[in-house]
Amino acid sequence: MFTGAYEHTLDSKGRLILPAKFRDQLQGGGWLTQPTSKCLALFPRDVYEQVAAMQRELQRAGGVKAERARAFFARSFEAVPDAQGRIAVPQILRDKVGLVRDVTVTGNNTRIEIWDRARWVAEDASHDDVLEDTEEPDVSF
């Protein structure tokens, strides 16, 4: 499971050093894609295979769902961390979500998300309102 939020910087070649906490789960690599217009997602291989299977089902449905699946696959790139824990973030994906230099890497359960830092700050601020309006979760054991 991926959790937490970490501030990082893209280097001049568009590479991102993954948080050390996430590296063990991605030793064999993963898939980087754009699931929304706001951020990128890095899926471990096994999770990506499950997501890709769902996308293939959407393609069979046709219409708008098939177009979304097409975009998903066209914007999916294999990502294998190097010895320093860096992955290359393709320019096309950086352009799609506005990643230039300062990014926030967040854990979102089964995937890692990569956000432009300013966009993440705004997104995270919206979470404050959501958390205030919800009931306390049951965390008793």
N, C-alpha and C. Protein backbone atom coordinates (compact mmCIF):
# COMPACT_ATOMS: atom_id res chain seq x y z
N MET A 1 0.85 -1.17 0.00
CA MET A 1 0.00 0.00 0.00
C MET A 1 0.90 1.23 0.00
N PHE A 2 0.49 2.24 -0.79
CA PHE A 2 1.24 3.49 -0.87
C PHE A 2 0.50 4.56 -0.07
N THR A 3 1.21 5.23 0.83
CA THR A 3 0.62 6.29 1.65
C THR A 3 1.61 7.44 1.80
N GLY A 4 1.10 8.59 2.19
CA GLY A 4 1.94 9.75 2.47
C GLY A 4 2.07 10.68 1.28
N ALA A 5 2.66 11.87 1.55
CA ALA A 5 2.92 12.87 0.51
C ALA A 5 4.34 13.37 0.69
N TYR A 6 5.08 13.47 -0.42
CA TYR A 6 6.49 13.80 -0.38
C TYR A 6 6.82 14.82 -1.46
N GLU A 7 7.55 15.86 -1.09
CA GLU A 7 7.95 16.88 -2.07
C GLU A 7 9.25 16.46 -2.73
N HIS A 8 9.24 16.52 -4.06
CA HIS A 8 10.42 16.16 -4.85
C HIS A 8 10.57 17.15 -6.00
N THR A 9 11.64 16.98 -6.74
CA THR A 9 11.94 17.84 -7.86
C THR A 9 12.33 16.99 -9.06
N LEU A 10 11.81 17.34 -10.24
CA LEU A 10 12.26 16.70 -11.47
C LEU A 10 13.63 17.26 -11.82
N ASP A 11 14.53 16.41 -12.29
CA ASP A 11 15.83 16.92 -12.71
C ASP A 11 15.74 17.45 -14.14
N SER A 12 16.84 17.95 -14.67
CA SER A 12 16.84 18.59 -15.99
C SER A 12 16.49 17.61 -17.12
N LYS A 13 16.59 16.31 -16.85
CA LYS A 13 16.24 15.29 -17.85
C LYS A 13 14.83 14.74 -17.65
N GLY A 14 14.08 15.34 -16.74
CA GLY A 14 12.71 14.89 -16.49
C GLY A 14 12.62 13.63 -15.67
N ARG A 15 13.66 13.36 -14.87
CA ARG A 15 13.64 12.18 -14.01
C ARG A 15 13.19 12.56 -12.61
N LEU A 16 12.53 11.63 -11.96
CA LEU A 16 12.00 11.81 -10.62
C LEU A 16 12.60 10.76 -9.72
N ILE A 17 13.15 11.20 -8.58
CA ILE A 17 13.60 10.25 -7.57
C ILE A 17 12.38 9.85 -6.75
N LEU A 18 12.08 8.57 -6.75
CA LEU A 18 10.94 8.06 -6.00
C LEU A 18 11.24 8.11 -4.51
N PRO A 19 10.24 8.39 -3.69
CA PRO A 19 10.46 8.33 -2.24
C PRO A 19 11.00 6.94 -1.86
N ALA A 20 11.97 6.92 -0.96
CA ALA A 20 12.59 5.66 -0.55
C ALA A 20 11.54 4.66 -0.06
N LYS A 21 10.51 5.17 0.60
CA LYS A 21 9.45 4.32 1.15
C LYS A 21 8.74 3.51 0.05
N PHE A 22 8.72 4.01 -1.18
CA PHE A 22 7.99 3.37 -2.26
C PHE A 22 8.85 2.43 -3.11
N ARG A 23 10.14 2.53 -3.01
CA ARG A 23 11.04 1.83 -3.95
C ARG A 23 10.95 0.32 -3.89
N ASP A 24 10.84 -0.25 -2.69
CA ASP A 24 10.79 -1.71 -2.58
C ASP A 24 9.62 -2.29 -3.36
N GLN A 25 8.49 -1.60 -3.35
CA GLN A 25 7.30 -2.09 -4.02
C GLN A 25 7.39 -1.94 -5.54
N LEU A 26 8.41 -1.23 -6.01
CA LEU A 26 8.56 -0.99 -7.45
C LEU A 26 9.89 -1.48 -7.99
N GLN A 27 10.54 -2.40 -7.28
CA GLN A 27 11.84 -2.89 -7.74
C GLN A 27 11.78 -3.48 -9.14
N GLY A 28 10.70 -4.17 -9.45
CA GLY A 28 10.56 -4.76 -10.77
C GLY A 28 10.01 -3.80 -11.81
N GLY A 29 9.80 -2.56 -11.41
CA GLY A 29 9.25 -1.56 -12.32
C GLY A 29 7.75 -1.48 -12.23
N GLY A 30 7.21 -0.62 -13.04
CA GLY A 30 5.77 -0.41 -13.06
C GLY A 30 5.37 0.30 -14.34
N TRP A 31 4.19 0.87 -14.32
CA TRP A 31 3.66 1.58 -15.48
C TRP A 31 3.20 2.97 -15.05
N LEU A 32 3.67 3.97 -15.78
CA LEU A 32 3.32 5.36 -15.55
C LEU A 32 2.27 5.76 -16.57
N THR A 33 1.19 6.35 -16.10
CA THR A 33 0.11 6.74 -17.00
C THR A 33 -0.60 7.98 -16.47
N GLN A 34 -1.57 8.46 -17.23
CA GLN A 34 -2.34 9.64 -16.86
C GLN A 34 -3.80 9.24 -16.66
N PRO A 35 -4.21 8.94 -15.43
CA PRO A 35 -5.59 8.51 -15.20
C PRO A 35 -6.59 9.66 -15.18
N THR A 36 -6.12 10.89 -14.91
CA THR A 36 -6.98 12.07 -14.87
C THR A 36 -6.23 13.23 -15.51
N SER A 37 -6.92 14.34 -15.65
CA SER A 37 -6.27 15.52 -16.22
C SER A 37 -5.41 16.24 -15.19
N LYS A 38 -5.44 15.80 -13.93
CA LYS A 38 -4.76 16.52 -12.86
C LYS A 38 -3.38 15.98 -12.49
N CYS A 39 -3.15 14.68 -12.65
CA CYS A 39 -1.91 14.09 -12.16
C CYS A 39 -1.55 12.84 -12.97
N LEU A 40 -0.36 12.33 -12.69
CA LEU A 40 0.08 11.06 -13.27
C LEU A 40 -0.05 9.98 -12.20
N ALA A 41 -0.07 8.74 -12.63
CA ALA A 41 -0.12 7.62 -11.69
C ALA A 41 0.94 6.60 -12.08
N LEU A 42 1.60 6.07 -11.08
CA LEU A 42 2.58 5.00 -11.27
C LEU A 42 2.02 3.77 -10.57
N PHE A 43 1.73 2.74 -11.37
CA PHE A 43 1.17 1.50 -10.86
C PHE A 43 2.24 0.42 -10.82
N PRO A 44 2.30 -0.38 -9.75
CA PRO A 44 3.12 -1.59 -9.81
C PRO A 44 2.58 -2.47 -10.94
N ARG A 45 3.43 -3.32 -11.46
CA ARG A 45 3.05 -4.15 -12.61
C ARG A 45 1.76 -4.93 -12.40
N ASP A 46 1.62 -5.58 -11.24
CA ASP A 46 0.43 -6.42 -11.02
C ASP A 46 -0.85 -5.59 -10.98
N VAL A 47 -0.78 -4.43 -10.38
CA VAL A 47 -1.97 -3.57 -10.32
C VAL A 47 -2.28 -3.02 -11.70
N TYR A 48 -1.24 -2.64 -12.45
CA TYR A 48 -1.47 -2.12 -13.80
C TYR A 48 -2.16 -3.18 -14.66
N GLU A 49 -1.77 -4.42 -14.52
CA GLU A 49 -2.41 -5.48 -15.30
C GLU A 49 -3.91 -5.56 -15.00
N GLN A 50 -4.29 -5.36 -13.76
CA GLN A 50 -5.71 -5.37 -13.40
C GLN A 50 -6.42 -4.16 -14.02
N VAL A 51 -5.80 -3.01 -13.94
CA VAL A 51 -6.39 -1.79 -14.51
C VAL A 51 -6.48 -1.92 -16.03
N ALA A 52 -5.44 -2.47 -16.65
CA ALA A 52 -5.43 -2.64 -18.10
C ALA A 52 -6.54 -3.60 -18.54
N ALA A 53 -6.79 -4.63 -17.75
CA ALA A 53 -7.88 -5.57 -18.07
C ALA A 53 -9.22 -4.85 -18.05
N MET A 54 -9.42 -3.96 -17.08
CA MET A 54 -10.66 -3.18 -17.02
C MET A 54 -10.77 -2.26 -18.24
N GLN A 55 -9.64 -1.68 -18.65
CA GLN A 55 -9.65 -0.80 -19.81
C GLN A 55 -9.97 -1.57 -21.09
N ARG A 56 -9.47 -2.80 -21.20
CA ARG A 56 -9.80 -3.63 -22.37
C ARG A 56 -11.30 -3.90 -22.43
N GLU A 57 -11.93 -4.11 -21.28
CA GLU A 57 -13.39 -4.29 -21.24
C GLU A 57 -14.11 -3.04 -21.72
N LEU A 58 -13.60 -1.87 -21.33
CA LEU A 58 -14.21 -0.61 -21.78
C LEU A 58 -14.08 -0.46 -23.29
N GLN A 59 -12.96 -0.91 -23.85
CA GLN A 59 -12.79 -0.83 -25.31
C GLN A 59 -13.86 -1.64 -26.02
N ARG A 60 -14.19 -2.79 -25.46
CA ARG A 60 -15.22 -3.64 -26.07
C ARG A 60 -16.59 -2.97 -26.04
N ALA A 61 -16.81 -2.09 -25.07
CA ALA A 61 -18.10 -1.40 -24.94
C ALA A 61 -18.30 -0.37 -26.04
N GLY A 62 -17.20 0.13 -26.58
CA GLY A 62 -17.30 1.12 -27.66
C GLY A 62 -17.61 2.51 -27.14
N GLY A 63 -17.78 3.43 -28.07
CA GLY A 63 -18.15 4.80 -27.74
C GLY A 63 -17.10 5.54 -26.93
N VAL A 64 -17.59 6.40 -26.04
CA VAL A 64 -16.71 7.24 -25.23
C VAL A 64 -15.80 6.39 -24.34
N LYS A 65 -16.32 5.29 -23.83
CA LYS A 65 -15.52 4.42 -22.97
C LYS A 65 -14.32 3.85 -23.74
N ALA A 66 -14.54 3.50 -24.98
CA ALA A 66 -13.44 2.99 -25.81
C ALA A 66 -12.40 4.08 -26.07
N GLU A 67 -12.86 5.31 -26.25
CA GLU A 67 -11.93 6.42 -26.47
C GLU A 67 -11.10 6.69 -25.22
N ARG A 68 -11.73 6.60 -24.05
CA ARG A 68 -10.98 6.77 -22.80
C ARG A 68 -9.93 5.68 -22.64
N ALA A 69 -10.28 4.47 -23.00
CA ALA A 69 -9.33 3.36 -22.92
C ALA A 69 -8.18 3.58 -23.89
N ARG A 70 -8.49 4.06 -25.08
CA ARG A 70 -7.43 4.35 -26.05
C ARG A 70 -6.45 5.37 -25.48
N ALA A 71 -6.97 6.44 -24.87
CA ALA A 71 -6.12 7.47 -24.27
C ALA A 71 -5.28 6.87 -23.14
N PHE A 72 -5.89 6.01 -22.34
CA PHE A 72 -5.18 5.37 -21.23
C PHE A 72 -3.96 4.61 -21.74
N PHE A 73 -4.15 3.79 -22.77
CA PHE A 73 -3.03 2.99 -23.28
C PHE A 73 -2.01 3.85 -24.02
N ALA A 74 -2.47 4.87 -24.74
CA ALA A 74 -1.54 5.74 -25.46
C ALA A 74 -0.67 6.54 -24.49
N ARG A 75 -1.18 6.75 -23.29
CA ARG A 75 -0.45 7.53 -22.30
C ARG A 75 0.14 6.65 -21.20
N SER A 76 0.41 5.40 -21.51
CA SER A 76 1.03 4.47 -20.56
C SER A 76 2.45 4.16 -21.01
N PHE A 77 3.38 4.29 -20.07
CA PHE A 77 4.79 4.06 -20.35
C PHE A 77 5.40 3.21 -19.24
N GLU A 78 6.21 2.24 -19.64
CA GLU A 78 6.89 1.43 -18.64
C GLU A 78 7.88 2.31 -17.89
N ALA A 79 7.98 2.09 -16.59
CA ALA A 79 8.87 2.88 -15.74
C ALA A 79 9.65 1.93 -14.84
N VAL A 80 10.96 1.88 -15.03
CA VAL A 80 11.82 1.01 -14.22
C VAL A 80 12.81 1.90 -13.49
N PRO A 81 12.76 1.91 -12.15
CA PRO A 81 13.70 2.74 -11.40
C PRO A 81 15.15 2.33 -11.65
N ASP A 82 16.03 3.33 -11.76
CA ASP A 82 17.45 3.05 -11.91
C ASP A 82 18.05 2.81 -10.52
N ALA A 83 19.37 2.66 -10.45
CA ALA A 83 20.04 2.34 -9.19
C ALA A 83 19.84 3.42 -8.13
N GLN A 84 19.57 4.66 -8.55
CA GLN A 84 19.34 5.76 -7.61
C GLN A 84 17.86 5.92 -7.26
N GLY A 85 17.00 5.05 -7.79
CA GLY A 85 15.57 5.13 -7.51
C GLY A 85 14.85 6.15 -8.36
N ARG A 86 15.44 6.51 -9.51
CA ARG A 86 14.82 7.50 -10.40
C ARG A 86 14.05 6.81 -11.51
N ILE A 87 12.94 7.46 -11.91
CA ILE A 87 12.23 7.03 -13.12
C ILE A 87 12.19 8.21 -14.09
N ALA A 88 12.18 7.91 -15.36
CA ALA A 88 12.03 8.94 -16.38
C ALA A 88 10.55 9.21 -16.57
N VAL A 89 10.20 10.49 -16.56
CA VAL A 89 8.81 10.89 -16.80
C VAL A 89 8.77 11.47 -18.21
N PRO A 90 8.15 10.77 -19.17
CA PRO A 90 8.14 11.24 -20.56
C PRO A 90 7.59 12.67 -20.68
N GLN A 91 8.19 13.41 -21.59
CA GLN A 91 7.79 14.81 -21.80
C GLN A 91 6.30 14.94 -22.10
N ILE A 92 5.76 14.02 -22.89
CA ILE A 92 4.34 14.12 -23.24
C ILE A 92 3.46 14.07 -21.99
N LEU A 93 3.82 13.23 -21.02
CA LEU A 93 3.04 13.15 -19.78
C LEU A 93 3.26 14.38 -18.91
N ARG A 94 4.49 14.87 -18.87
CA ARG A 94 4.75 16.09 -18.09
C ARG A 94 3.93 17.25 -18.63
N ASP A 95 3.86 17.35 -19.95
CA ASP A 95 3.09 18.42 -20.57
C ASP A 95 1.60 18.29 -20.28
N LYS A 96 1.08 17.07 -20.30
CA LYS A 96 -0.36 16.84 -20.12
C LYS A 96 -0.86 17.31 -18.76
N VAL A 97 -0.03 17.17 -17.71
CA VAL A 97 -0.48 17.55 -16.36
C VAL A 97 0.30 18.73 -15.78
N GLY A 98 1.14 19.36 -16.60
CA GLY A 98 1.82 20.58 -16.17
C GLY A 98 2.96 20.38 -15.20
N LEU A 99 3.68 19.28 -15.32
CA LEU A 99 4.85 19.06 -14.45
C LEU A 99 6.05 19.77 -15.06
N VAL A 100 6.66 20.66 -14.29
CA VAL A 100 7.84 21.36 -14.77
C VAL A 100 9.04 21.01 -13.90
N ARG A 101 8.97 21.31 -12.63
CA ARG A 101 10.10 21.06 -11.73
C ARG A 101 9.66 20.53 -10.37
N ASP A 102 8.91 21.34 -9.63
CA ASP A 102 8.51 20.97 -8.27
C ASP A 102 7.26 20.11 -8.30
N VAL A 103 7.36 18.92 -7.72
CA VAL A 103 6.25 17.97 -7.72
C VAL A 103 6.00 17.46 -6.31
N THR A 104 4.81 16.93 -6.12
CA THR A 104 4.48 16.21 -4.89
C THR A 104 4.12 14.80 -5.30
N VAL A 105 4.73 13.84 -4.64
CA VAL A 105 4.48 12.43 -4.89
C VAL A 105 3.63 11.93 -3.74
N THR A 106 2.45 11.42 -4.07
CA THR A 106 1.53 10.97 -3.03
C THR A 106 1.22 9.49 -3.18
N GLY A 107 0.97 8.86 -2.06
CA GLY A 107 0.49 7.50 -2.08
C GLY A 107 -1.03 7.51 -2.15
N ASN A 108 -1.58 6.67 -2.99
CA ASN A 108 -3.03 6.55 -3.09
C ASN A 108 -3.38 5.06 -3.13
N ASN A 109 -3.14 4.40 -2.01
CA ASN A 109 -3.47 3.00 -1.82
C ASN A 109 -2.67 2.10 -2.76
N THR A 110 -3.19 1.77 -3.93
CA THR A 110 -2.52 0.82 -4.82
C THR A 110 -1.65 1.50 -5.88
N ARG A 111 -1.59 2.83 -5.84
CA ARG A 111 -0.80 3.54 -6.84
C ARG A 111 -0.13 4.75 -6.22
N ILE A 112 0.86 5.25 -6.93
CA ILE A 112 1.55 6.49 -6.58
C ILE A 112 1.04 7.55 -7.54
N GLU A 113 0.78 8.74 -7.02
CA GLU A 113 0.39 9.85 -7.89
C GLU A 113 1.48 10.90 -7.90
N ILE A 114 1.66 11.53 -9.04
CA ILE A 114 2.67 12.57 -9.21
C ILE A 114 1.96 13.83 -9.65
N TRP A 115 2.03 14.85 -8.80
CA TRP A 115 1.30 16.10 -8.98
C TRP A 115 2.26 17.27 -9.14
N ASP A 116 1.89 18.26 -9.94
CA ASP A 116 2.54 19.55 -9.87
C ASP A 116 2.32 20.04 -8.44
N ARG A 117 3.36 20.56 -7.79
CA ARG A 117 3.25 20.90 -6.38
C ARG A 117 2.15 21.92 -6.10
N ALA A 118 2.05 22.96 -6.89
CA ALA A 118 1.01 23.98 -6.66
C ALA A 118 -0.38 23.37 -6.84
N ARG A 119 -0.54 22.52 -7.82
CA ARG A 119 -1.84 21.87 -8.03
C ARG A 119 -2.18 20.96 -6.85
N TRP A 120 -1.17 20.25 -6.32
CA TRP A 120 -1.41 19.38 -5.17
C TRP A 120 -1.83 20.20 -3.95
N VAL A 121 -1.19 21.34 -3.72
CA VAL A 121 -1.54 22.17 -2.57
C VAL A 121 -3.03 22.54 -2.64
N ALA A 122 -3.49 22.93 -3.82
CA ALA A 122 -4.91 23.27 -3.99
C ALA A 122 -5.79 22.04 -3.80
N GLU A 123 -5.40 20.92 -4.36
CA GLU A 123 -6.18 19.68 -4.22
C GLU A 123 -6.25 19.26 -2.76
N ASP A 124 -5.12 19.32 -2.08
CA ASP A 124 -5.06 18.91 -0.68
C ASP A 124 -5.91 19.83 0.19
N ALA A 125 -5.95 21.12 -0.12
CA ALA A 125 -6.78 22.05 0.63
C ALA A 125 -8.26 21.67 0.51
N SER A 126 -8.66 21.18 -0.66
CA SER A 126 -10.05 20.76 -0.83
C SER A 126 -10.38 19.55 0.03
N HIS A 127 -9.37 18.77 0.39
CA HIS A 127 -9.59 17.61 1.26
C HIS A 127 -9.98 18.04 2.67
N ASP A 128 -9.52 19.22 3.10
CA ASP A 128 -9.88 19.70 4.43
C ASP A 128 -11.39 19.82 4.56
N ASP A 129 -12.04 20.37 3.54
CA ASP A 129 -13.49 20.51 3.57
C ASP A 129 -14.18 19.15 3.58
N VAL A 130 -13.69 18.25 2.79
CA VAL A 130 -14.28 16.91 2.72
C VAL A 130 -14.16 16.20 4.07
N LEU A 131 -13.00 16.31 4.69
CA LEU A 131 -12.80 15.65 5.97
C LEU A 131 -13.67 16.24 7.07
N GLU A 132 -13.92 17.54 7.01
CA GLU A 132 -14.78 18.17 8.01
C GLU A 132 -16.22 17.72 7.88
N ASP A 133 -16.64 17.39 6.67
CA ASP A 133 -18.04 17.05 6.42
C ASP A 133 -18.36 15.57 6.57
N THR A 134 -17.37 14.77 6.89
CA THR A 134 -17.63 13.33 6.98
C THR A 134 -17.61 12.87 8.43
N GLU A 135 -18.24 11.75 8.65
CA GLU A 135 -18.22 11.16 9.98
C GLU A 135 -16.85 10.59 10.25
N GLU A 136 -16.52 10.49 11.50
CA GLU A 136 -15.25 9.89 11.89
C GLU A 136 -15.25 8.42 11.46
N PRO A 137 -14.16 7.96 10.87
CA PRO A 137 -14.10 6.54 10.51
C PRO A 137 -13.97 5.66 11.77
N ASP A 138 -14.47 4.47 11.68
CA ASP A 138 -14.35 3.54 12.79
C ASP A 138 -12.97 2.89 12.71
N VAL A 139 -12.10 3.24 13.63
CA VAL A 139 -10.75 2.69 13.63
C VAL A 139 -10.52 1.81 14.85
N SER A 140 -11.58 1.39 15.48
CA SER A 140 -11.43 0.52 16.65
C SER A 140 -11.02 -0.89 16.20
N PHE A 141 -10.36 -1.58 17.07
CA PHE A 141 -9.88 -2.93 16.73
C PHE A 141 -10.57 -3.95 17.58
